[in-house]
Amino acid sequence: MNFHQTTLLCALLAIAGQSADWPHWGGGSGRNMINTVEKNLPDDWDVKSGKSVKWKVKLGSLTYGSAVVADGRVYIGTNNEAHLDPNVKGDKGNIVVVAEKDGSFLWQAVHDKLSAGRVNDWPHQGICSTPQVVGDRLWYLSNRCEATCADVNGFADQNDGMTAETYTATGHADVIWSYDMIEELGVFPHNLATSSPLVDDGIVFLITGNGVDEGHLNIPVNSAPSFVAFDAKTGELLWEFAVEERILHGQWSSPSMGIVDGQKQIYLPGGDGWLYALSPKDGKLIWKFNCNPPDAVWELGGYGTKNNLIATPVFADNVVYIGVGQDPEHGVGIGHLYAINAKGSGDITKTGALWHRGNDEFGRTISTASVLDGLVYIADISGILYCLDQKTGKAHWSHDLKSAVWGSTMVADGKVYIGDETGKINIFAHAKTKQHIRTIDMRETVYGTATAANGVLYIATKTQLYAIAAE
């Protein structure tokens, strides 16, 4: 089976819900945070006593990404504070790879920090990109704004790609190709490049992270692309799309994909607050939608009413669901959540919204939605979890988690899992009526989203990755 056939098969299995692995952010190309395959997932565990904890792995001092599981391996982005290789010292960006069965260390990708410092590569943030795995390759975006393809085996099967890796000892990444978007395209990532790649039909789609300068007043290179597509096998740049001078702050979201009337669309949230649907083959615009009201105003520090897009768009049943927000450091504020008809063309701002929640009904969010059985689950940054009607957007119920939420819901095995900044995992029944099952203390902040794969729930806290299975 060749590369393109493998990619297509994995995509079809993910869409059909037949794969027990979870090979990339959102599981399938629509990025819908649901898993309809898993059964008997845990709803009661204790990380202090070890009850139902299959294994745990020490990560760095900050972990924002989520675990992906493929072919017996678990991958996650973090920083270098775990010192898995004692010879590699200092602040770095890391992808850590462990064995699915017992959490034993296999290898890691290590990336040095950019010399520009926090304006482009904020200290100790590590790698926030969640990788995608297809066959014997994985792709991710490094903290250095490098689109990266690596061998899933590390150097265990010798050096298969480029031979100029900085770290070549056993236990390090075998990089197949790397594309430096700062050097090659003039991208100026604001604070950090974070996009989680989407690989489909031999193409890697990414959001570059191009943004404003440290003073937050100018875009150093407004002609640099916001969205890019690479040949997954070779790293050749296929097309690019620039938001240009309309960027408000940074661009920290990730792409998703849907099939509408037999044609694929790639959904790319822009740093200008617009959602763009492009043709995956050539990057041509299909439609665009302004996710801010016409009277919204951008103000520095989060004081305005205009927002950008950090959440990942979710495609389900010919509809795209996305909420607007800002850097979480800006705090709470007016937000908006949209259900957008994906069948439009051109500027569909005035015609595309099937429903909308905003103002007092929904706050700023960086969370990605879960859509299943006529219900939409999503939390805003203030910690209000909503269960909404998929067709109307009306609330069936809500719950105040009493803590900021950076991650997203995961709906699996009839349960809704959500983590928060205080380190709690709240579990609800997947239902129109609110049924709170349990609150579990993970004992430190949970920034990411739970992953369900092969009967196991994977949850990353700031410094630990837990594999949790029902006893």
Protein backbone atom coordinates (compact mmCIF):
# COMPACT_ATOMS: atom_id res chain seq x y z
CA MET A 1 0.00 0.00 0.00
CA ASN A 2 1.51 3.35 -0.99
CA PHE A 3 1.55 6.59 1.03
CA HIS A 4 -1.56 8.11 -0.58
CA GLN A 5 -3.55 4.89 -0.15
CA THR A 6 -2.53 4.68 3.50
CA THR A 7 -3.54 8.29 4.11
CA LEU A 8 -6.91 7.78 2.45
CA LEU A 9 -7.58 4.57 4.38
CA CYS A 10 -6.73 6.20 7.72
CA ALA A 11 -8.95 9.17 6.92
CA LEU A 12 -11.88 6.96 5.95
CA LEU A 13 -11.51 4.83 9.07
CA ALA A 14 -11.38 7.91 11.27
CA ILE A 15 -14.48 9.40 9.66
CA ALA A 16 -16.33 6.10 9.94
CA GLY A 17 -15.27 5.68 13.56
CA GLN A 18 -13.69 2.26 12.92
CA SER A 19 -10.22 2.97 14.27
CA ALA A 20 -9.56 2.40 17.98
CA ASP A 21 -6.41 4.55 17.74
CA TRP A 22 -6.59 8.34 18.01
CA PRO A 23 -3.91 9.44 15.53
CA HIS A 24 -4.31 13.22 15.62
CA TRP A 25 -6.05 16.19 17.21
CA GLY A 26 -9.79 15.56 17.02
CA GLY A 27 -9.39 11.95 15.88
CA GLY A 28 -10.96 12.57 12.46
CA SER A 29 -10.48 15.31 9.88
CA GLY A 30 -13.64 17.12 11.03
CA ARG A 31 -11.94 17.62 14.44
CA ASN A 32 -15.15 16.63 16.22
CA MET A 33 -14.21 15.87 19.82
CA ILE A 34 -16.11 12.60 20.06
CA ASN A 35 -15.21 8.92 20.06
CA THR A 36 -18.10 6.61 19.17
CA VAL A 37 -16.07 3.39 19.34
CA GLU A 38 -14.74 3.20 22.88
CA LYS A 39 -16.60 1.34 25.63
CA ASN A 40 -16.03 0.80 29.35
CA LEU A 41 -14.03 3.98 29.81
CA PRO A 42 -13.33 4.92 33.43
CA ASP A 43 -15.41 7.41 35.37
CA ASP A 44 -13.73 6.93 38.75
CA TRP A 45 -10.00 7.05 39.44
CA ASP A 46 -7.54 8.55 41.90
CA VAL A 47 -4.10 9.76 40.85
CA LYS A 48 -2.84 9.93 44.45
CA SER A 49 -3.61 6.31 45.36
CA GLY A 50 -3.14 5.03 41.81
CA LYS A 51 -6.66 3.61 41.58
CA SER A 52 -7.37 2.79 37.89
CA VAL A 53 -4.09 4.45 36.81
CA LYS A 54 -2.49 2.06 34.33
CA TRP A 55 0.69 4.12 34.14
CA LYS A 56 1.94 7.68 34.34
CA VAL A 57 4.87 9.44 32.69
CA LYS A 58 6.65 12.57 33.84
CA LEU A 59 6.55 15.31 31.21
CA GLY A 60 8.08 18.78 31.25
CA SER A 61 7.00 21.64 33.50
CA LEU A 62 4.27 22.81 31.10
CA THR A 63 2.11 20.73 28.76
CA TYR A 64 -0.59 22.32 26.62
CA GLY A 65 -1.12 19.70 23.94
CA SER A 66 -3.08 16.46 23.98
CA ALA A 67 -1.98 12.88 23.52
CA VAL A 68 -2.35 11.00 20.25
CA VAL A 69 -2.24 7.22 20.05
CA ALA A 70 -1.20 5.20 17.00
CA ASP A 71 0.23 1.73 16.44
CA GLY A 72 1.30 1.12 20.02
CA ARG A 73 2.82 4.54 20.64
CA VAL A 74 1.62 7.65 22.49
CA TYR A 75 2.85 11.09 21.39
CA ILE A 76 2.58 14.42 23.21
CA GLY A 77 4.21 17.86 23.11
CA THR A 78 5.82 19.43 26.19
CA ASN A 79 9.06 21.16 27.24
CA ASN A 80 12.45 19.77 28.28
CA GLU A 81 12.13 20.03 32.06
CA ALA A 82 11.77 16.24 32.44
CA HIS A 83 15.38 15.92 31.15
CA LEU A 84 14.68 12.60 29.47
CA ASP A 85 18.14 12.90 27.95
CA PRO A 86 20.40 14.31 30.70
CA ASN A 87 22.84 15.45 28.04
CA VAL A 88 20.25 17.87 26.61
CA LYS A 89 20.13 20.83 28.95
CA GLY A 90 18.12 24.01 29.07
CA ASP A 91 14.76 25.14 27.74
CA LYS A 92 13.63 23.25 24.61
CA GLY A 93 10.51 22.20 22.76
CA ASN A 94 9.90 18.44 22.89
CA ILE A 95 7.67 15.78 21.39
CA VAL A 96 7.78 12.81 23.75
CA VAL A 97 6.96 9.29 22.51
CA VAL A 98 6.19 6.42 24.90
CA ALA A 99 4.91 2.87 24.59
CA GLU A 100 1.14 2.55 24.75
CA LYS A 101 1.28 -0.63 26.85
CA ASP A 102 3.35 0.62 29.79
CA GLY A 103 4.46 4.23 29.21
CA SER A 104 8.11 3.28 28.73
CA PHE A 105 10.17 5.94 26.96
CA LEU A 106 10.86 5.32 23.25
CA TRP A 107 12.29 8.55 21.87
CA GLN A 108 11.83 12.32 21.76
CA ALA A 109 12.11 15.15 19.27
CA VAL A 110 14.03 18.10 20.71
CA HIS A 111 14.01 21.62 19.28
CA ASP A 112 16.16 24.50 20.51
CA LYS A 113 14.49 27.78 21.41
CA LEU A 114 14.49 30.73 19.01
CA SER A 115 17.00 33.42 19.90
CA ALA A 116 14.34 36.16 19.61
CA GLY A 117 12.86 35.01 22.91
CA ARG A 118 9.30 35.42 24.09
CA VAL A 119 8.03 37.47 21.17
CA ASN A 120 8.38 34.41 18.89
CA ASP A 121 9.02 31.46 21.23
CA TRP A 122 7.76 32.08 24.76
CA PRO A 123 9.99 30.49 27.45
CA HIS A 124 9.07 27.05 28.79
CA GLN A 125 5.96 26.67 26.62
CA GLY A 126 7.47 23.69 24.83
CA ILE A 127 5.71 22.33 21.75
CA CYS A 128 1.96 22.98 21.84
CA SER A 129 1.24 21.35 18.48
CA THR A 130 -0.48 17.96 18.72
CA PRO A 131 1.07 15.63 16.10
CA GLN A 132 -0.65 13.59 13.43
CA VAL A 133 0.46 10.04 12.65
CA VAL A 134 -0.14 8.24 9.35
CA GLY A 135 1.65 4.95 8.77
CA ASP A 136 5.32 5.27 9.70
CA ARG A 137 5.39 9.08 9.71
CA LEU A 138 4.30 11.85 12.05
CA TRP A 139 3.95 15.57 11.43
CA TYR A 140 3.90 18.50 13.84
CA LEU A 141 4.77 22.20 14.10
CA SER A 142 7.80 22.89 16.26
CA ASN A 143 8.24 25.81 18.64
CA ARG A 144 10.64 27.21 16.03
CA CYS A 145 7.82 27.48 13.47
CA GLU A 146 9.18 24.51 11.52
CA ALA A 147 6.76 22.17 9.79
CA THR A 148 8.31 18.83 10.68
CA CYS A 149 7.96 15.24 9.46
CA ALA A 150 9.61 12.46 11.47
CA ASP A 151 9.90 8.67 11.47
CA VAL A 152 7.65 7.06 14.11
CA ASN A 153 10.50 4.64 14.96
CA GLY A 154 13.03 7.34 15.79
CA PHE A 155 16.54 6.11 15.01
CA ALA A 156 15.59 2.50 15.83
CA ASP A 157 15.49 1.74 12.10
CA GLN A 158 18.50 3.94 11.25
CA ASN A 159 18.48 7.44 9.74
CA ASP A 160 15.80 7.47 7.05
CA GLY A 161 15.58 11.15 6.21
CA MET A 162 17.73 14.24 6.44
CA THR A 163 21.09 13.70 8.13
CA ALA A 164 21.65 17.16 9.59
CA GLU A 165 19.67 16.65 12.81
CA THR A 166 20.99 18.54 15.83
CA TYR A 167 20.31 15.58 18.14
CA THR A 168 21.31 12.19 16.71
CA ALA A 169 21.81 9.97 19.76
CA THR A 170 19.64 6.94 20.41
CA GLY A 171 16.32 8.07 21.81
CA HIS A 172 16.00 11.09 19.52
CA ALA A 173 13.91 11.90 16.46
CA ASP A 174 14.75 10.79 12.96
CA VAL A 175 13.59 13.87 11.03
CA ILE A 176 12.51 13.14 7.47
CA TRP A 177 12.06 16.76 6.45
CA SER A 178 11.72 20.16 8.06
CA TYR A 179 10.48 23.45 6.60
CA ASP A 180 11.51 26.65 8.41
CA MET A 181 8.62 29.06 7.83
CA ILE A 182 10.47 31.98 9.43
CA GLU A 183 13.45 31.62 7.13
CA GLU A 184 11.60 30.59 3.97
CA LEU A 185 8.34 32.56 4.20
CA GLY A 186 9.07 35.45 6.55
CA VAL A 187 6.52 34.27 9.12
CA PHE A 188 6.65 36.15 12.43
CA PRO A 189 4.99 33.87 15.01
CA HIS A 190 3.57 35.90 17.86
CA ASN A 191 4.61 34.26 21.16
CA LEU A 192 4.59 30.74 19.69
CA ALA A 193 3.69 28.67 16.64
CA THR A 194 1.13 26.13 17.90
CA SER A 195 -0.97 24.72 15.06
CA SER A 196 -1.79 21.02 15.04
CA PRO A 197 -1.40 19.69 11.48
CA LEU A 198 -4.08 18.06 9.39
CA VAL A 199 -2.79 15.49 6.90
CA ASP A 200 -5.12 14.40 4.12
CA ASP A 201 -4.51 12.82 0.72
CA GLY A 202 -0.77 13.40 0.92
CA ILE A 203 -1.02 17.07 1.93
CA VAL A 204 -0.12 18.66 5.29
CA PHE A 205 -2.20 21.72 6.23
CA LEU A 206 -1.00 24.16 8.90
CA ILE A 207 -1.65 27.61 10.31
CA THR A 208 1.66 29.45 10.43
CA GLY A 209 1.20 31.60 13.53
CA ASN A 210 2.10 34.85 11.77
CA GLY A 211 1.19 37.77 14.03
CA VAL A 212 1.97 41.17 15.48
CA ASP A 213 5.24 42.41 16.96
CA GLU A 214 6.08 42.64 20.66
CA GLY A 215 4.49 46.08 20.88
CA HIS A 216 1.25 44.63 19.47
CA LEU A 217 0.96 47.52 17.02
CA ASN A 218 2.53 46.31 13.78
CA ILE A 219 2.69 43.13 11.72
CA PRO A 220 6.38 42.74 10.80
CA VAL A 221 5.63 40.80 7.60
CA ASN A 222 1.98 41.18 6.67
CA SER A 223 2.57 39.46 3.33
CA ALA A 224 3.71 36.27 5.08
CA PRO A 225 1.16 33.46 4.82
CA SER A 226 -1.33 32.55 7.49
CA PHE A 227 -2.20 29.17 5.97
CA VAL A 228 0.10 26.75 4.15
CA ALA A 229 -0.01 23.34 2.51
CA PHE A 230 2.96 21.00 2.05
CA ASP A 231 3.54 17.73 0.26
CA ALA A 232 3.44 15.30 3.18
CA LYS A 233 6.17 13.08 1.75
CA THR A 234 8.70 15.65 0.55
CA GLY A 235 7.93 18.89 2.41
CA GLU A 236 7.48 20.84 -0.81
CA LEU A 237 5.35 23.97 -0.34
CA LEU A 238 2.21 23.54 -2.44
CA TRP A 239 0.29 26.74 -1.73
CA GLU A 240 -0.07 29.59 0.75
CA PHE A 241 -2.80 32.04 1.77
CA ALA A 242 -2.21 35.35 3.59
CA VAL A 243 -4.60 37.25 5.86
CA GLU A 244 -2.13 40.15 5.58
CA GLU A 245 -2.63 43.40 7.52
CA ARG A 246 -5.94 42.28 9.02
CA ILE A 247 -4.28 40.11 11.72
CA LEU A 248 -5.37 41.25 15.18
CA HIS A 249 -2.90 39.46 17.46
CA GLY A 250 -1.58 35.91 16.90
CA GLN A 251 -2.80 32.87 14.98
CA TRP A 252 -2.95 29.85 17.27
CA SER A 253 -5.71 27.69 15.82
CA SER A 254 -5.63 24.52 13.73
CA PRO A 255 -7.27 23.45 10.44
CA SER A 256 -10.15 21.04 9.97
CA MET A 257 -11.83 19.50 6.93
CA GLY A 258 -15.26 18.55 5.63
CA ILE A 259 -16.78 17.05 2.50
CA VAL A 260 -19.67 19.08 1.07
CA ASP A 261 -21.55 17.83 -1.99
CA GLY A 262 -18.67 15.47 -2.72
CA GLN A 263 -15.99 18.17 -2.55
CA LYS A 264 -13.45 18.60 0.23
CA GLN A 265 -13.15 21.93 2.04
CA ILE A 266 -10.32 22.88 4.40
CA TYR A 267 -11.42 25.20 7.24
CA LEU A 268 -8.83 27.70 8.43
CA PRO A 269 -9.47 30.20 11.25
CA GLY A 270 -7.80 33.50 10.46
CA GLY A 271 -6.12 35.92 12.82
CA ASP A 272 -8.57 38.54 11.59
CA GLY A 273 -11.56 36.76 13.13
CA TRP A 274 -12.77 35.34 9.80
CA LEU A 275 -13.24 31.64 9.11
CA TYR A 276 -12.02 30.65 5.64
CA ALA A 277 -13.07 27.59 3.65
CA LEU A 278 -10.49 26.85 0.95
CA SER A 279 -9.96 24.21 -1.69
CA PRO A 280 -7.40 21.72 -0.32
CA LYS A 281 -5.75 21.24 -3.71
CA ASP A 282 -4.93 24.84 -4.56
CA GLY A 283 -5.89 27.07 -1.62
CA LYS A 284 -8.58 28.91 -3.59
CA LEU A 285 -11.34 30.54 -1.55
CA ILE A 286 -14.69 28.72 -1.41
CA TRP A 287 -16.33 30.87 1.25
CA LYS A 288 -15.51 33.08 4.21
CA PHE A 289 -17.44 34.13 7.31
CA ASN A 290 -16.80 37.04 9.69
CA CYS A 291 -17.10 35.68 13.22
CA ASN A 292 -17.34 39.17 14.74
CA PRO A 293 -20.37 41.49 14.62
CA PRO A 294 -19.93 44.56 12.39
CA ASP A 295 -19.75 46.91 15.39
CA ALA A 296 -17.08 44.89 17.23
CA VAL A 297 -13.91 46.82 18.14
CA TRP A 298 -10.41 45.45 18.79
CA GLU A 299 -8.56 46.96 21.75
CA LEU A 300 -5.17 46.02 23.17
CA GLY A 301 -5.17 43.88 26.28
CA GLY A 302 -8.52 42.27 25.62
CA TYR A 303 -10.68 45.27 26.48
CA GLY A 304 -12.53 45.38 23.18
CA THR A 305 -15.41 43.37 21.76
CA LYS A 306 -13.67 42.01 18.65
CA ASN A 307 -12.12 38.56 18.98
CA ASN A 308 -9.88 36.27 17.00
CA LEU A 309 -10.14 32.51 16.51
CA ILE A 310 -8.15 30.09 18.67
CA ALA A 311 -10.57 27.16 18.81
CA THR A 312 -10.49 24.58 16.02
CA PRO A 313 -13.54 24.56 13.72
CA VAL A 314 -15.62 21.38 13.87
CA PHE A 315 -17.36 19.95 10.80
CA ALA A 316 -20.46 17.79 11.31
CA ASP A 317 -23.46 17.23 9.03
CA ASN A 318 -22.53 19.99 6.56
CA VAL A 319 -22.21 22.53 9.37
CA VAL A 320 -19.09 24.15 10.85
CA TYR A 321 -19.14 25.00 14.57
CA ILE A 322 -16.70 27.54 15.97
CA GLY A 323 -16.44 29.95 18.88
CA VAL A 324 -14.37 33.13 19.11
CA GLY A 325 -11.97 34.14 21.84
CA GLN A 326 -8.67 35.75 22.74
CA ASP A 327 -5.41 34.96 24.47
CA PRO A 328 -6.56 33.47 27.81
CA GLU A 329 -4.38 36.02 29.58
CA HIS A 330 -6.87 38.66 28.39
CA GLY A 331 -9.52 37.11 30.61
CA VAL A 332 -13.24 36.78 30.09
CA GLY A 333 -15.33 38.90 27.75
CA ILE A 334 -18.07 38.91 25.15
CA GLY A 335 -17.83 35.88 22.90
CA HIS A 336 -19.73 34.25 20.07
CA LEU A 337 -20.50 30.71 18.98
CA TYR A 338 -21.65 30.00 15.43
CA ALA A 339 -23.13 27.13 13.48
CA ILE A 340 -22.26 27.93 9.85
CA ASN A 341 -23.79 26.34 6.76
CA ALA A 342 -20.83 24.92 4.84
CA LYS A 343 -22.67 24.88 1.50
CA GLY A 344 -22.19 28.56 0.70
CA SER A 345 -19.80 30.43 -1.58
CA GLY A 346 -18.10 33.81 -1.38
CA ASP A 347 -18.71 36.06 1.62
CA ILE A 348 -21.47 34.27 3.56
CA THR A 349 -21.36 36.44 6.69
CA LYS A 350 -24.94 37.66 6.24
CA THR A 351 -26.42 34.35 5.07
CA GLY A 352 -24.33 31.51 6.49
CA ALA A 353 -25.18 31.45 10.19
CA LEU A 354 -27.73 28.77 11.02
CA TRP A 355 -27.66 29.93 14.63
CA HIS A 356 -25.56 32.09 16.89
CA ARG A 357 -25.01 32.52 20.62
CA GLY A 358 -23.31 35.61 22.01
CA ASN A 359 -23.30 38.50 24.45
CA ASP A 360 -24.85 37.16 27.69
CA GLU A 361 -25.36 33.69 26.18
CA PHE A 362 -21.73 32.79 25.52
CA GLY A 363 -18.31 34.13 26.51
CA ARG A 364 -14.90 34.05 24.91
CA THR A 365 -13.63 30.55 24.26
CA ILE A 366 -10.58 28.70 23.03
CA SER A 367 -12.36 25.33 23.26
CA THR A 368 -13.30 23.07 20.37
CA ALA A 369 -16.83 21.67 20.24
CA SER A 370 -18.13 18.10 20.51
CA VAL A 371 -21.19 17.32 18.34
CA LEU A 372 -23.08 14.05 18.81
CA ASP A 373 -26.68 12.82 18.74
CA GLY A 374 -28.17 16.26 18.20
CA LEU A 375 -26.17 17.84 21.03
CA VAL A 376 -23.28 20.32 21.02
CA TYR A 377 -20.95 20.51 24.02
CA ILE A 378 -18.54 23.41 24.48
CA ALA A 379 -17.08 25.45 27.34
CA ASP A 380 -16.15 29.11 27.43
CA ILE A 381 -12.96 30.43 29.04
CA SER A 382 -14.81 31.44 32.21
CA GLY A 383 -15.63 27.79 32.88
CA ILE A 384 -19.27 27.54 31.84
CA LEU A 385 -19.94 24.23 30.12
CA TYR A 386 -22.90 24.24 27.72
CA CYS A 387 -24.99 21.45 26.28
CA LEU A 388 -26.83 22.92 23.27
CA ASP A 389 -29.34 21.74 20.72
CA GLN A 390 -27.48 21.02 17.49
CA LYS A 391 -30.20 22.45 15.23
CA THR A 392 -31.19 25.57 17.18
CA GLY A 393 -28.30 26.39 19.52
CA LYS A 394 -30.69 26.63 22.46
CA ALA A 395 -29.31 25.45 25.77
CA HIS A 396 -30.45 22.16 27.25
CA TRP A 397 -28.26 22.76 30.28
CA SER A 398 -25.14 24.51 31.53
CA HIS A 399 -22.76 23.98 34.42
CA ASP A 400 -20.38 26.39 36.13
CA LEU A 401 -17.07 24.58 36.56
CA LYS A 402 -15.80 27.49 38.69
CA SER A 403 -12.45 27.52 36.92
CA ALA A 404 -11.03 28.66 33.61
CA VAL A 405 -11.14 26.10 30.79
CA TRP A 406 -8.38 25.97 28.16
CA GLY A 407 -9.11 22.51 26.76
CA SER A 408 -12.12 20.93 25.10
CA THR A 409 -14.78 18.39 25.90
CA MET A 410 -14.28 14.76 24.95
CA VAL A 411 -17.49 12.75 24.47
CA ALA A 412 -17.00 9.00 24.58
CA ASP A 413 -18.76 5.95 25.98
CA GLY A 414 -21.83 7.97 26.97
CA LYS A 415 -19.77 10.40 29.02
CA VAL A 416 -18.53 13.98 28.66
CA TYR A 417 -15.05 14.66 30.05
CA ILE A 418 -13.69 18.18 30.60
CA GLY A 419 -10.60 19.44 32.45
CA ASP A 420 -9.94 22.86 33.96
CA GLU A 421 -7.25 25.16 35.28
CA THR A 422 -7.65 24.00 38.90
CA GLY A 423 -6.82 20.45 37.86
CA LYS A 424 -10.30 18.99 38.05
CA ILE A 425 -11.80 16.58 35.54
CA ASN A 426 -15.58 16.85 35.55
CA ILE A 427 -17.57 13.98 34.07
CA PHE A 428 -21.17 14.28 32.88
CA ALA A 429 -23.57 11.89 31.20
CA HIS A 430 -24.01 12.48 27.48
CA ALA A 431 -27.67 13.53 27.72
CA LYS A 432 -30.15 16.38 27.24
CA THR A 433 -30.66 16.57 30.98
CA LYS A 434 -27.72 17.43 33.21
CA GLN A 435 -26.32 14.43 35.05
CA HIS A 436 -23.05 15.20 36.80
CA ILE A 437 -21.28 11.91 37.41
CA ARG A 438 -18.15 12.91 39.28
CA THR A 439 -15.40 15.47 39.85
CA ILE A 440 -11.88 14.03 39.97
CA ASP A 441 -8.84 15.93 41.22
CA MET A 442 -5.78 15.51 38.98
CA ARG A 443 -3.77 17.55 41.52
CA GLU A 444 -2.46 20.09 39.00
CA THR A 445 -3.68 22.15 36.06
CA VAL A 446 -5.17 20.42 33.02
CA TYR A 447 -4.70 22.59 29.92
CA GLY A 448 -5.35 19.97 27.26
CA THR A 449 -8.13 17.61 26.24
CA ALA A 450 -8.68 13.98 27.23
CA THR A 451 -7.96 11.30 24.61
CA ALA A 452 -9.82 7.98 24.45
CA ALA A 453 -8.16 5.10 22.61
CA ASN A 454 -8.18 1.32 22.90
CA GLY A 455 -10.14 1.30 26.14
CA VAL A 456 -7.87 3.80 27.88
CA LEU A 457 -8.34 7.46 28.78
CA TYR A 458 -5.22 9.63 28.41
CA ILE A 459 -5.08 12.87 30.38
CA ALA A 460 -2.12 15.25 30.53
CA THR A 461 -1.67 17.63 33.43
CA LYS A 462 1.01 20.31 33.41
CA THR A 463 3.73 17.79 34.22
CA GLN A 464 2.33 14.26 33.93
CA LEU A 465 0.68 12.05 31.34
CA TYR A 466 -1.76 9.54 32.82
CA ALA A 467 -3.14 6.39 31.18
CA ILE A 468 -6.36 5.54 33.00
CA ALA A 469 -8.38 2.35 32.54
CA ALA A 470 -11.43 0.96 34.30
CA GLU A 471 -10.61 -1.80 36.77
